[in-house]
Amino acid sequence: MKLFLKEHALLIALNILQFASILIIYWLDGYRNLLPALYAIFIGFFFLTCYLFYQYFSRRTFYQRLSRPLETLDESLQKHDQHPVSDALNELLRSQYKHYKQQINKIGKEREEHLKLMDHWVHQMKTPISVIELTAQNLDEPDSSSIREETERMKSGLNTILYMARLRTIEQDFHIKPIYLEALVHEVNGENKRFYIRNKVYPKVEERTGGLTVQTDEKWLFFILTQLVLNAVKYSAGKSNSILISIYEREREAILEVQDFGVGIPEEDKKRIFDAFYTGENGRKFRESTGMGLYLIKEAVEYLHHRIEFESQVGDGTTFRVIFSETQNLTTM
């Protein structure tokens, strides 16, 4: 109704002005023969009202359509009534929808090609890095260790890029199956053994509940735990020589916890640590942070329908917990 009144406001105002003009003319004439004028004004209002009622009820569906927000794109193509303006709007929406679909398909193809290129490039880069590592083994210290340290940084960066690309198609990349958490923890520790030695920070594994098995994606959980461990070691180096990886149950939910005793997260950074490319105060100090690790963890955890929580105190360290729901904790089933 509001849209209808707005559209016809000028017509209504023009008619009121016209009828008022007639009364003014009769007033200037001394109100002689006023009754025919009043009758003419009444007839005019009657026909105006009939016209407005007809216009509103014949096009009510059209006005309701314009006043109600669309819930789906396909809804914009539905025909509700036959009217020249309505038909013209339908044609405009169909044309706009067609161009929109073409642009979306074009962007989708370009993004797919870009992701394939990134994936291909990352895998190509891994080969020369492996060759450099093998060559470094034949060198004397400390050159050998320095080169392998740099190649590990390169591999870590390449893995981040690879998982950023995979995040766009994460739903198609899932392979959910039972995962034995303790075995996964030992696998991650074995993969990062040299990183521990180089930073002189070593993991301690604490299994508080025997043999916890969860339903998740092994590849993505491996990535999540690796990122948490790398962060824990990085921000503990020089302050503490250990991190603690714990596996336990809490209210029938499985918990995978990574605790460090390092620098901790400043209070002003806590609200933004999961934002993409946000490095915070610690990232600026250590200068190796990309700001993408925790962002990727948060996205992957949400897609897997897990939860992540953390607590931190400056100077005392940080604890991250990946929480698997009761339905994902196969040990309780």
C-alpha atoms as a PDB file:
ATOM      1  CA  MET A   1       0.000   0.000   0.000  1.00  0.00           C
ATOM      2  CA  LYS A   2       2.816   2.455   0.849  1.00  0.00           C
ATOM      3  CA  LEU A   3       4.450   1.917  -2.526  1.00  0.00           C
ATOM      4  CA  PHE A   4       1.104   2.396  -4.291  1.00  0.00           C
ATOM      5  CA  LEU A   5       0.402   5.670  -2.453  1.00  0.00           C
ATOM      6  CA  LYS A   6       3.904   6.938  -3.235  1.00  0.00           C
ATOM      7  CA  GLU A   7       3.406   6.181  -6.928  1.00  0.00           C
ATOM      8  CA  HIS A   8       0.026   7.974  -7.069  1.00  0.00           C
ATOM      9  CA  ALA A   9       0.789  10.801  -4.632  1.00  0.00           C
ATOM     10  CA  LEU A  10       1.238  13.352  -7.443  1.00  0.00           C
ATOM     11  CA  LEU A  11      -2.081  12.355  -9.063  1.00  0.00           C
ATOM     12  CA  ILE A  12      -3.932  12.656  -5.754  1.00  0.00           C
ATOM     13  CA  ALA A  13      -2.286  16.008  -4.979  1.00  0.00           C
ATOM     14  CA  LEU A  14      -3.116  17.318  -8.483  1.00  0.00           C
ATOM     15  CA  ASN A  15      -6.798  16.397  -8.098  1.00  0.00           C
ATOM     16  CA  ILE A  16      -7.010  17.990  -4.648  1.00  0.00           C
ATOM     17  CA  LEU A  17      -5.396  21.140  -6.052  1.00  0.00           C
ATOM     18  CA  GLN A  18      -7.876  21.130  -8.961  1.00  0.00           C
ATOM     19  CA  PHE A  19     -10.909  20.805  -6.651  1.00  0.00           C
ATOM     20  CA  ALA A  20      -9.528  23.476  -4.331  1.00  0.00           C
ATOM     21  CA  SER A  21      -9.111  25.796  -7.330  1.00  0.00           C
ATOM     22  CA  ILE A  22     -12.776  25.348  -8.198  1.00  0.00           C
ATOM     23  CA  LEU A  23     -13.814  26.294  -4.658  1.00  0.00           C
ATOM     24  CA  ILE A  24     -11.547  29.350  -4.732  1.00  0.00           C
ATOM     25  CA  ILE A  25     -13.105  30.488  -8.002  1.00  0.00           C
ATOM     26  CA  TYR A  26     -16.606  30.148  -6.500  1.00  0.00           C
ATOM     27  CA  TRP A  27     -15.427  31.994  -3.367  1.00  0.00           C
ATOM     28  CA  LEU A  28     -14.192  34.871  -5.486  1.00  0.00           C
ATOM     29  CA  ASP A  29     -17.514  34.864  -7.284  1.00  0.00           C
ATOM     30  CA  GLY A  30     -19.383  35.154  -3.987  1.00  0.00           C
ATOM     31  CA  TYR A  31     -20.463  31.521  -3.661  1.00  0.00           C
ATOM     32  CA  ARG A  32     -23.233  31.866  -6.272  1.00  0.00           C
ATOM     33  CA  ASN A  33     -24.604  28.506  -7.460  1.00  0.00           C
ATOM     34  CA  LEU A  34     -22.232  26.629  -5.096  1.00  0.00           C
ATOM     35  CA  LEU A  35     -24.224  23.385  -4.922  1.00  0.00           C
ATOM     36  CA  PRO A  36     -23.492  22.266  -8.525  1.00  0.00           C
ATOM     37  CA  ALA A  37     -19.802  22.891  -7.859  1.00  0.00           C
ATOM     38  CA  LEU A  38     -19.856  20.805  -4.691  1.00  0.00           C
ATOM     39  CA  TYR A  39     -21.690  18.074  -6.559  1.00  0.00           C
ATOM     40  CA  ALA A  40     -19.081  18.158  -9.340  1.00  0.00           C
ATOM     41  CA  ILE A  41     -16.291  17.944  -6.753  1.00  0.00           C
ATOM     42  CA  PHE A  42     -17.994  14.984  -5.088  1.00  0.00           C
ATOM     43  CA  ILE A  43     -18.323  13.208  -8.454  1.00  0.00           C
ATOM     44  CA  GLY A  44     -14.672  13.934  -9.168  1.00  0.00           C
ATOM     45  CA  PHE A  45     -13.544  12.452  -5.816  1.00  0.00           C
ATOM     46  CA  PHE A  46     -15.782   9.441  -6.394  1.00  0.00           C
ATOM     47  CA  PHE A  47     -14.230   8.651  -9.774  1.00  0.00           C
ATOM     48  CA  LEU A  48     -10.728   9.282  -8.407  1.00  0.00           C
ATOM     49  CA  THR A  49     -11.378   6.880  -5.532  1.00  0.00           C
ATOM     50  CA  CYS A  50     -12.781   4.230  -7.885  1.00  0.00           C
ATOM     51  CA  TYR A  51      -9.753   4.592 -10.153  1.00  0.00           C
ATOM     52  CA  LEU A  52      -7.318   4.262  -7.257  1.00  0.00           C
ATOM     53  CA  PHE A  53      -9.129   1.211  -5.864  1.00  0.00           C
ATOM     54  CA  TYR A  54      -9.123  -0.444  -9.282  1.00  0.00           C
ATOM     55  CA  GLN A  55      -5.439   0.310  -9.817  1.00  0.00           C
ATOM     56  CA  TYR A  56      -4.479  -1.014  -6.403  1.00  0.00           C
ATOM     57  CA  PHE A  57      -6.474  -4.249  -6.413  1.00  0.00           C
ATOM     58  CA  SER A  58      -5.659  -5.074 -10.030  1.00  0.00           C
ATOM     59  CA  ARG A  59      -1.914  -4.648  -9.350  1.00  0.00           C
ATOM     60  CA  ARG A  60      -1.792  -5.564  -5.683  1.00  0.00           C
ATOM     61  CA  THR A  61       0.384  -8.653  -6.330  1.00  0.00           C
ATOM     62  CA  PHE A  62       2.823  -6.515  -8.300  1.00  0.00           C
ATOM     63  CA  TYR A  63       3.172  -3.980  -5.488  1.00  0.00           C
ATOM     64  CA  GLN A  64       3.581  -6.725  -2.903  1.00  0.00           C
ATOM     65  CA  ARG A  65       6.286  -8.275  -5.049  1.00  0.00           C
ATOM     66  CA  LEU A  66       8.168  -4.983  -5.184  1.00  0.00           C
ATOM     67  CA  SER A  67       7.806  -4.401  -1.433  1.00  0.00           C
ATOM     68  CA  ARG A  68       8.964  -7.893  -0.323  1.00  0.00           C
ATOM     69  CA  PRO A  69      12.689  -8.748  -0.450  1.00  0.00           C
ATOM     70  CA  LEU A  70      13.655 -11.725  -2.584  1.00  0.00           C
ATOM     71  CA  GLU A  71      14.526 -14.958  -0.790  1.00  0.00           C
ATOM     72  CA  THR A  72      16.073 -16.617  -3.850  1.00  0.00           C
ATOM     73  CA  LEU A  73      17.334 -15.394  -7.219  1.00  0.00           C
ATOM     74  CA  ASP A  74      14.906 -17.648  -9.076  1.00  0.00           C
ATOM     75  CA  GLU A  75      12.009 -15.891  -7.360  1.00  0.00           C
ATOM     76  CA  SER A  76      12.790 -12.749  -9.364  1.00  0.00           C
ATOM     77  CA  LEU A  77      11.820 -14.593 -12.569  1.00  0.00           C
ATOM     78  CA  GLN A  78       8.327 -15.559 -11.420  1.00  0.00           C
ATOM     79  CA  LYS A  79       5.370 -13.896 -13.117  1.00  0.00           C
ATOM     80  CA  HIS A  80       2.573 -12.714 -10.827  1.00  0.00           C
ATOM     81  CA  ASP A  81       0.278 -10.643 -13.044  1.00  0.00           C
ATOM     82  CA  GLN A  82      -0.105  -9.401 -16.600  1.00  0.00           C
ATOM     83  CA  HIS A  83       0.551  -5.681 -16.877  1.00  0.00           C
ATOM     84  CA  PRO A  84       2.769  -3.634 -19.205  1.00  0.00           C
ATOM     85  CA  VAL A  85       4.947  -2.341 -16.356  1.00  0.00           C
ATOM     86  CA  SER A  86       5.086  -5.774 -14.729  1.00  0.00           C
ATOM     87  CA  ASP A  87       6.002  -7.423 -18.034  1.00  0.00           C
ATOM     88  CA  ALA A  88       8.731  -4.836 -18.643  1.00  0.00           C
ATOM     89  CA  LEU A  89      10.116  -5.445 -15.152  1.00  0.00           C
ATOM     90  CA  ASN A  90      10.083  -9.207 -15.743  1.00  0.00           C
ATOM     91  CA  GLU A  91      12.048  -8.780 -18.957  1.00  0.00           C
ATOM     92  CA  LEU A  92      14.559  -6.514 -17.214  1.00  0.00           C
ATOM     93  CA  LEU A  93      15.026  -8.995 -14.349  1.00  0.00           C
ATOM     94  CA  ARG A  94      15.433 -11.912 -16.746  1.00  0.00           C
ATOM     95  CA  SER A  95      18.066  -9.987 -18.687  1.00  0.00           C
ATOM     96  CA  GLN A  96      19.849  -8.978 -15.482  1.00  0.00           C
ATOM     97  CA  TYR A  97      19.698 -12.543 -14.160  1.00  0.00           C
ATOM     98  CA  LYS A  98      21.167 -13.862 -17.415  1.00  0.00           C
ATOM     99  CA  HIS A  99      24.093 -11.401 -17.270  1.00  0.00           C
ATOM    100  CA  TYR A 100      24.584 -12.188 -13.586  1.00  0.00           C
ATOM    101  CA  LYS A 101      24.782 -15.940 -14.249  1.00  0.00           C
ATOM    102  CA  GLN A 102      27.237 -15.366 -17.084  1.00  0.00           C
ATOM    103  CA  GLN A 103      29.481 -13.249 -14.854  1.00  0.00           C
ATOM    104  CA  ILE A 104      29.295 -15.774 -11.998  1.00  0.00           C
ATOM    105  CA  ASN A 105      30.197 -18.643 -14.334  1.00  0.00           C
ATOM    106  CA  LYS A 106      33.088 -16.635 -15.774  1.00  0.00           C
ATOM    107  CA  ILE A 107      34.428 -15.773 -12.305  1.00  0.00           C
ATOM    108  CA  GLY A 108      33.967 -19.392 -11.191  1.00  0.00           C
ATOM    109  CA  LYS A 109      35.996 -20.693 -14.145  1.00  0.00           C
ATOM    110  CA  GLU A 110      38.730 -18.118 -13.593  1.00  0.00           C
ATOM    111  CA  ARG A 111      38.931 -19.008  -9.895  1.00  0.00           C
ATOM    112  CA  GLU A 112      39.056 -22.719 -10.670  1.00  0.00           C
ATOM    113  CA  GLU A 113      41.887 -22.170 -13.136  1.00  0.00           C
ATOM    114  CA  HIS A 114      43.700 -20.000 -10.598  1.00  0.00           C
ATOM    115  CA  LEU A 115      43.384 -22.648  -7.876  1.00  0.00           C
ATOM    116  CA  LYS A 116      44.593 -25.372 -10.242  1.00  0.00           C
ATOM    117  CA  LEU A 117      47.591 -23.206 -11.147  1.00  0.00           C
ATOM    118  CA  MET A 118      48.394 -22.612  -7.464  1.00  0.00           C
ATOM    119  CA  ASP A 119      48.058 -26.309  -6.668  1.00  0.00           C
ATOM    120  CA  HIS A 120      50.251 -27.265  -9.632  1.00  0.00           C
ATOM    121  CA  TRP A 121      52.853 -24.628  -8.758  1.00  0.00           C
ATOM    122  CA  VAL A 122      53.057 -25.736  -5.098  1.00  0.00           C
ATOM    123  CA  HIS A 123      53.629 -29.360  -6.097  1.00  0.00           C
ATOM    124  CA  GLN A 124      56.243 -28.297  -8.648  1.00  0.00           C
ATOM    125  CA  MET A 125      58.099 -26.270  -6.025  1.00  0.00           C
ATOM    126  CA  LYS A 126      58.280 -29.224  -3.635  1.00  0.00           C
ATOM    127  CA  THR A 127      60.567 -31.126  -6.008  1.00  0.00           C
ATOM    128  CA  PRO A 128      63.421 -28.565  -6.113  1.00  0.00           C
ATOM    129  CA  ILE A 129      63.097 -28.071  -2.343  1.00  0.00           C
ATOM    130  CA  SER A 130      63.573 -31.809  -1.832  1.00  0.00           C
ATOM    131  CA  VAL A 131      66.638 -31.708  -4.106  1.00  0.00           C
ATOM    132  CA  ILE A 132      68.067 -28.797  -2.101  1.00  0.00           C
ATOM    133  CA  GLU A 133      67.519 -30.736   1.139  1.00  0.00           C
ATOM    134  CA  LEU A 134      69.306 -33.799  -0.236  1.00  0.00           C
ATOM    135  CA  THR A 135      72.188 -31.632  -1.428  1.00  0.00           C
ATOM    136  CA  ALA A 136      72.398 -29.916   1.969  1.00  0.00           C
ATOM    137  CA  GLN A 137      72.935 -33.270   3.676  1.00  0.00           C
ATOM    138  CA  ASN A 138      76.327 -33.542   1.982  1.00  0.00           C
ATOM    139  CA  LEU A 139      77.474 -30.155   3.237  1.00  0.00           C
ATOM    140  CA  ASP A 140      79.350 -29.433   6.442  1.00  0.00           C
ATOM    141  CA  GLU A 141      77.776 -27.785   9.449  1.00  0.00           C
ATOM    142  CA  PRO A 142      76.520 -25.169  10.029  1.00  0.00           C
ATOM    143  CA  ASP A 143      75.779 -24.670   6.303  1.00  0.00           C
ATOM    144  CA  SER A 144      73.744 -27.886   6.109  1.00  0.00           C
ATOM    145  CA  SER A 145      71.477 -26.960   9.023  1.00  0.00           C
ATOM    146  CA  SER A 146      71.020 -23.406   7.787  1.00  0.00           C
ATOM    147  CA  ILE A 147      69.917 -24.540   4.331  1.00  0.00           C
ATOM    148  CA  ARG A 148      67.526 -27.174   5.725  1.00  0.00           C
ATOM    149  CA  GLU A 149      66.068 -24.585   8.096  1.00  0.00           C
ATOM    150  CA  GLU A 150      65.275 -22.292   5.196  1.00  0.00           C
ATOM    151  CA  THR A 151      63.804 -25.116   3.100  1.00  0.00           C
ATOM    152  CA  GLU A 152      61.536 -26.066   6.002  1.00  0.00           C
ATOM    153  CA  ARG A 153      60.276 -22.492   6.106  1.00  0.00           C
ATOM    154  CA  MET A 154      59.646 -22.656   2.376  1.00  0.00           C
ATOM    155  CA  LYS A 155      57.748 -25.934   2.737  1.00  0.00           C
ATOM    156  CA  SER A 156      55.660 -24.466   5.549  1.00  0.00           C
ATOM    157  CA  GLY A 157      54.770 -21.476   3.371  1.00  0.00           C
ATOM    158  CA  LEU A 158      53.923 -23.692   0.407  1.00  0.00           C
ATOM    159  CA  ASN A 159      51.669 -25.859   2.582  1.00  0.00           C
ATOM    160  CA  THR A 160      49.846 -22.744   3.771  1.00  0.00           C
ATOM    161  CA  ILE A 161      49.252 -21.679   0.171  1.00  0.00           C
ATOM    162  CA  LEU A 162      48.089 -25.189  -0.735  1.00  0.00           C
ATOM    163  CA  TYR A 163      45.577 -25.336   2.100  1.00  0.00           C
ATOM    164  CA  MET A 164      44.350 -21.818   1.307  1.00  0.00           C
ATOM    165  CA  ALA A 165      43.554 -23.057  -2.192  1.00  0.00           C
ATOM    166  CA  ARG A 166      41.916 -26.222  -0.881  1.00  0.00           C
ATOM    167  CA  LEU A 167      39.788 -24.209   1.549  1.00  0.00           C
ATOM    168  CA  ARG A 168      37.668 -22.970  -1.384  1.00  0.00           C
ATOM    169  CA  THR A 169      36.646 -26.532  -2.192  1.00  0.00           C
ATOM    170  CA  ILE A 170      36.865 -27.936   1.308  1.00  0.00           C
ATOM    171  CA  GLU A 171      33.426 -29.563   1.193  1.00  0.00           C
ATOM    172  CA  GLN A 172      34.466 -31.692  -1.791  1.00  0.00           C
ATOM    173  CA  ASP A 173      37.869 -32.353  -0.177  1.00  0.00           C
ATOM    174  CA  PHE A 174      36.489 -34.055   2.945  1.00  0.00           C
ATOM    175  CA  HIS A 175      37.031 -37.707   3.731  1.00  0.00           C
ATOM    176  CA  ILE A 176      35.498 -38.378   7.135  1.00  0.00           C
ATOM    177  CA  LYS A 177      36.661 -41.527   8.907  1.00  0.00           C
ATOM    178  CA  PRO A 178      37.633 -42.720  12.424  1.00  0.00           C
ATOM    179  CA  ILE A 179      40.965 -41.201  13.544  1.00  0.00           C
ATOM    180  CA  TYR A 180      42.990 -42.433  16.506  1.00  0.00           C
ATOM    181  CA  LEU A 181      44.163 -39.157  18.085  1.00  0.00           C
ATOM    182  CA  GLU A 182      47.310 -40.442  19.775  1.00  0.00           C
ATOM    183  CA  ALA A 183      48.612 -41.909  16.516  1.00  0.00           C
ATOM    184  CA  LEU A 184      47.955 -38.619  14.720  1.00  0.00           C
ATOM    185  CA  VAL A 185      49.803 -36.678  17.442  1.00  0.00           C
ATOM    186  CA  HIS A 186      52.864 -38.935  17.122  1.00  0.00           C
ATOM    187  CA  GLU A 187      52.765 -38.542  13.348  1.00  0.00           C
ATOM    188  CA  VAL A 188      52.741 -34.744  13.638  1.00  0.00           C
ATOM    189  CA  ASN A 189      55.601 -34.844  16.143  1.00  0.00           C
ATOM    190  CA  GLY A 190      57.635 -37.079  13.848  1.00  0.00           C
ATOM    191  CA  GLU A 191      57.050 -34.729  10.934  1.00  0.00           C
ATOM    192  CA  ASN A 192      58.288 -31.720  12.929  1.00  0.00           C
ATOM    193  CA  LYS A 193      61.175 -33.372  14.779  1.00  0.00           C
ATOM    194  CA  ARG A 194      63.861 -31.165  13.243  1.00  0.00           C
ATOM    195  CA  PHE A 195      61.763 -28.066  13.958  1.00  0.00           C
ATOM    196  CA  TYR A 196      61.662 -29.025  17.645  1.00  0.00           C
ATOM    197  CA  ILE A 197      65.411 -29.612  17.770  1.00  0.00           C
ATOM    198  CA  ARG A 198      66.242 -26.376  15.999  1.00  0.00           C
ATOM    199  CA  ASN A 199      64.103 -24.315  18.394  1.00  0.00           C
ATOM    200  CA  LYS A 200      65.058 -26.417  21.454  1.00  0.00           C
ATOM    201  CA  VAL A 201      61.409 -26.829  22.339  1.00  0.00           C
ATOM    202  CA  TYR A 202      60.152 -30.386  22.733  1.00  0.00           C
ATOM    203  CA  PRO A 203      56.611 -31.825  22.927  1.00  0.00           C
ATOM    204  CA  LYS A 204      55.197 -33.802  25.811  1.00  0.00           C
ATOM    205  CA  VAL A 205      52.187 -35.990  25.048  1.00  0.00           C
ATOM    206  CA  GLU A 206      49.641 -36.620  27.768  1.00  0.00           C
ATOM    207  CA  GLU A 207      46.881 -39.169  27.126  1.00  0.00           C
ATOM    208  CA  ARG A 208      44.452 -38.728  30.018  1.00  0.00           C
ATOM    209  CA  THR A 209      41.828 -41.038  28.518  1.00  0.00           C
ATOM    210  CA  GLY A 210      42.984 -44.225  26.864  1.00  0.00           C
ATOM    211  CA  GLY A 211      42.508 -44.651  23.125  1.00  0.00           C
ATOM    212  CA  LEU A 212      40.345 -41.709  22.038  1.00  0.00           C
ATOM    213  CA  THR A 213      39.042 -42.121  18.490  1.00  0.00           C
ATOM    214  CA  VAL A 214      37.110 -39.378  16.702  1.00  0.00           C
ATOM    215  CA  GLN A 215      35.197 -38.992  13.461  1.00  0.00           C
ATOM    216  CA  THR A 216      36.940 -36.373  11.306  1.00  0.00           C
ATOM    217  CA  ASP A 217      39.065 -35.718   8.212  1.00  0.00           C
ATOM    218  CA  GLU A 218      42.621 -36.923   8.783  1.00  0.00           C
ATOM    219  CA  LYS A 219      44.345 -34.566   6.362  1.00  0.00           C
ATOM    220  CA  TRP A 220      42.701 -31.423   7.695  1.00  0.00           C
ATOM    221  CA  LEU A 221      43.125 -32.460  11.343  1.00  0.00           C
ATOM    222  CA  PHE A 222      46.805 -33.126  10.637  1.00  0.00           C
ATOM    223  CA  PHE A 223      47.074 -29.602   9.230  1.00  0.00           C
ATOM    224  CA  ILE A 224      45.209 -28.082  12.201  1.00  0.00           C
ATOM    225  CA  LEU A 225      47.401 -29.818  14.788  1.00  0.00           C
ATOM    226  CA  THR A 226      50.582 -29.007  12.843  1.00  0.00           C
ATOM    227  CA  GLN A 227      49.716 -25.311  12.753  1.00  0.00           C
ATOM    228  CA  LEU A 228      48.937 -25.241  16.476  1.00  0.00           C
ATOM    229  CA  VAL A 229      52.193 -27.045  17.273  1.00  0.00           C
ATOM    230  CA  LEU A 230      54.286 -24.772  15.045  1.00  0.00           C
ATOM    231  CA  ASN A 231      52.776 -21.682  16.671  1.00  0.00           C
ATOM    232  CA  ALA A 232      53.315 -23.111  20.154  1.00  0.00           C
ATOM    233  CA  VAL A 233      56.981 -23.838  19.460  1.00  0.00           C
ATOM    234  CA  LYS A 234      57.590 -20.532  17.684  1.00  0.00           C
ATOM    235  CA  TYR A 235      56.213 -18.432  20.530  1.00  0.00           C
ATOM    236  CA  SER A 236      57.916 -20.583  23.205  1.00  0.00           C
ATOM    237  CA  ALA A 237      61.443 -20.555  21.802  1.00  0.00           C
ATOM    238  CA  GLY A 238      63.842 -18.840  24.159  1.00  0.00           C
ATOM    239  CA  LYS A 239      61.324 -18.777  27.013  1.00  0.00           C
ATOM    240  CA  SER A 240      60.358 -22.409  27.544  1.00  0.00           C
ATOM    241  CA  ASN A 241      61.797 -25.728  26.373  1.00  0.00           C
ATOM    242  CA  SER A 242      58.544 -27.687  26.139  1.00  0.00           C
ATOM    243  CA  ILE A 243      54.957 -27.696  24.936  1.00  0.00           C
ATOM    244  CA  LEU A 244      52.204 -30.011  26.151  1.00  0.00           C
ATOM    245  CA  ILE A 245      49.863 -31.916  23.818  1.00  0.00           C
ATOM    246  CA  SER A 246      46.949 -33.447  25.732  1.00  0.00           C
ATOM    247  CA  ILE A 247      44.170 -35.826  24.703  1.00  0.00           C
ATOM    248  CA  TYR A 248      41.232 -36.223  27.061  1.00  0.00           C
ATOM    249  CA  GLU A 249      37.451 -36.216  27.472  1.00  0.00           C
ATOM    250  CA  ARG A 250      35.296 -33.459  28.899  1.00  0.00           C
ATOM    251  CA  GLU A 251      31.550 -33.958  29.287  1.00  0.00           C
ATOM    252  CA  ARG A 252      31.655 -36.841  26.777  1.00  0.00           C
ATOM    253  CA  GLU A 253      33.414 -34.620  24.213  1.00  0.00           C
ATOM    254  CA  ALA A 254      36.911 -35.459  22.973  1.00  0.00           C
ATOM    255  CA  ILE A 255      39.501 -32.716  23.432  1.00  0.00           C
ATOM    256  CA  LEU A 256      42.794 -32.275  21.593  1.00  0.00           C
ATOM    257  CA  GLU A 257      44.771 -29.613  23.458  1.00  0.00           C
ATOM    258  CA  VAL A 258      48.042 -27.831  22.649  1.00  0.00           C
ATOM    259  CA  GLN A 259      49.528 -25.795  25.488  1.00  0.00           C
ATOM    260  CA  ASP A 260      52.659 -23.690  25.410  1.00  0.00           C
ATOM    261  CA  PHE A 261      54.442 -21.721  28.108  1.00  0.00           C
ATOM    262  CA  GLY A 262      55.628 -18.885  25.915  1.00  0.00           C
ATOM    263  CA  VAL A 263      54.895 -15.209  25.410  1.00  0.00           C
ATOM    264  CA  GLY A 264      51.076 -15.422  25.432  1.00  0.00           C
ATOM    265  CA  ILE A 265      48.593 -13.371  23.406  1.00  0.00           C
ATOM    266  CA  PRO A 266      48.061  -9.685  24.291  1.00  0.00           C
ATOM    267  CA  GLU A 267      44.529  -8.826  25.379  1.00  0.00           C
ATOM    268  CA  GLU A 268      43.958  -6.410  22.478  1.00  0.00           C
ATOM    269  CA  ASP A 269      44.760  -9.171  19.931  1.00  0.00           C
ATOM    270  CA  LYS A 270      42.497 -11.891  21.299  1.00  0.00           C
ATOM    271  CA  LYS A 271      39.377 -10.787  19.398  1.00  0.00           C
ATOM    272  CA  ARG A 272      41.155 -10.817  16.032  1.00  0.00           C
ATOM    273  CA  ILE A 273      43.556 -13.763  16.105  1.00  0.00           C
ATOM    274  CA  PHE A 274      41.303 -15.767  13.752  1.00  0.00           C
ATOM    275  CA  ASP A 275      41.038 -12.942  11.190  1.00  0.00           C
ATOM    276  CA  ALA A 276      42.770 -13.506   7.863  1.00  0.00           C
ATOM    277  CA  PHE A 277      46.204 -11.836   7.557  1.00  0.00           C
ATOM    278  CA  TYR A 278      46.049 -10.475  11.102  1.00  0.00           C
ATOM    279  CA  THR A 279      49.448 -10.925  12.730  1.00  0.00           C
ATOM    280  CA  GLY A 280      49.029  -8.904  15.909  1.00  0.00           C
ATOM    281  CA  GLU A 281      51.770  -7.745  18.251  1.00  0.00           C
ATOM    282  CA  ASN A 282      53.489 -11.142  18.431  1.00  0.00           C
ATOM    283  CA  GLY A 283      53.483 -11.507  14.654  1.00  0.00           C
ATOM    284  CA  ARG A 284      55.246  -8.175  14.263  1.00  0.00           C
ATOM    285  CA  LYS A 285      57.841  -9.141  16.850  1.00  0.00           C
ATOM    286  CA  PHE A 286      58.640 -12.586  15.424  1.00  0.00           C
ATOM    287  CA  ARG A 287      58.290 -11.460  11.766  1.00  0.00           C
ATOM    288  CA  GLU A 288      57.514 -14.912  10.411  1.00  0.00           C
ATOM    289  CA  SER A 289      53.762 -14.812  10.899  1.00  0.00           C
ATOM    290  CA  THR A 290      51.557 -14.680   7.798  1.00  0.00           C
ATOM    291  CA  GLY A 291      48.340 -14.219   9.753  1.00  0.00           C
ATOM    292  CA  MET A 292      46.754 -17.125   7.872  1.00  0.00           C
ATOM    293  CA  GLY A 293      47.455 -20.134  10.121  1.00  0.00           C
ATOM    294  CA  LEU A 294      44.758 -19.526  12.737  1.00  0.00           C
ATOM    295  CA  TYR A 295      42.348 -18.273  10.074  1.00  0.00           C
ATOM    296  CA  LEU A 296      42.672 -21.550   8.153  1.00  0.00           C
ATOM    297  CA  ILE A 297      42.316 -23.507  11.406  1.00  0.00           C
ATOM    298  CA  LYS A 298      39.098 -21.680  12.293  1.00  0.00           C
ATOM    299  CA  GLU A 299      37.606 -22.201   8.828  1.00  0.00           C
ATOM    300  CA  ALA A 300      38.535 -25.904   8.721  1.00  0.00           C
ATOM    301  CA  VAL A 301      37.249 -26.551  12.253  1.00  0.00           C
ATOM    302  CA  GLU A 302      33.883 -24.979  11.414  1.00  0.00           C
ATOM    303  CA  TYR A 303      33.547 -26.964   8.180  1.00  0.00           C
ATOM    304  CA  LEU A 304      34.327 -30.149  10.100  1.00  0.00           C
ATOM    305  CA  HIS A 305      31.676 -29.187  12.698  1.00  0.00           C
ATOM    306  CA  HIS A 306      34.239 -29.175  15.497  1.00  0.00           C
ATOM    307  CA  ARG A 307      34.859 -26.263  17.840  1.00  0.00           C
ATOM    308  CA  ILE A 308      37.988 -24.412  18.836  1.00  0.00           C
ATOM    309  CA  GLU A 309      38.635 -22.425  21.988  1.00  0.00           C
ATOM    310  CA  PHE A 310      41.675 -20.787  23.502  1.00  0.00           C
ATOM    311  CA  GLU A 311      42.874 -19.087  26.626  1.00  0.00           C
ATOM    312  CA  SER A 312      46.043 -17.078  27.031  1.00  0.00           C
ATOM    313  CA  GLN A 313      47.921 -14.965  29.516  1.00  0.00           C
ATOM    314  CA  VAL A 314      50.782 -12.685  28.544  1.00  0.00           C
ATOM    315  CA  GLY A 315      54.019 -14.126  29.879  1.00  0.00           C
ATOM    316  CA  ASP A 316      52.436 -17.445  30.905  1.00  0.00           C
ATOM    317  CA  GLY A 317      51.546 -19.027  27.564  1.00  0.00           C
ATOM    318  CA  THR A 318      48.568 -20.060  25.461  1.00  0.00           C
ATOM    319  CA  THR A 319      46.292 -23.084  25.290  1.00  0.00           C
ATOM    320  CA  PHE A 320      44.275 -24.072  22.201  1.00  0.00           C
ATOM    321  CA  ARG A 321      41.642 -26.819  22.275  1.00  0.00           C
ATOM    322  CA  VAL A 322      40.026 -28.582  19.338  1.00  0.00           C
ATOM    323  CA  ILE A 323      36.725 -29.974  20.602  1.00  0.00           C
ATOM    324  CA  PHE A 324      34.968 -32.928  19.000  1.00  0.00           C
ATOM    325  CA  SER A 325      31.266 -33.208  19.795  1.00  0.00           C
ATOM    326  CA  GLU A 326      29.776 -36.204  21.586  1.00  0.00           C
ATOM    327  CA  THR A 327      28.542 -37.625  18.266  1.00  0.00           C
ATOM    328  CA  GLN A 328      32.078 -37.338  16.824  1.00  0.00           C
ATOM    329  CA  ASN A 329      33.700 -38.981  19.845  1.00  0.00           C
ATOM    330  CA  LEU A 330      33.560 -42.647  18.843  1.00  0.00           C
ATOM    331  CA  THR A 331      34.980 -43.770  22.179  1.00  0.00           C
ATOM    332  CA  THR A 332      31.745 -42.879  23.983  1.00  0.00           C
ATOM    333  CA  MET A 333      29.482 -44.570  21.447  1.00  0.00           C
END
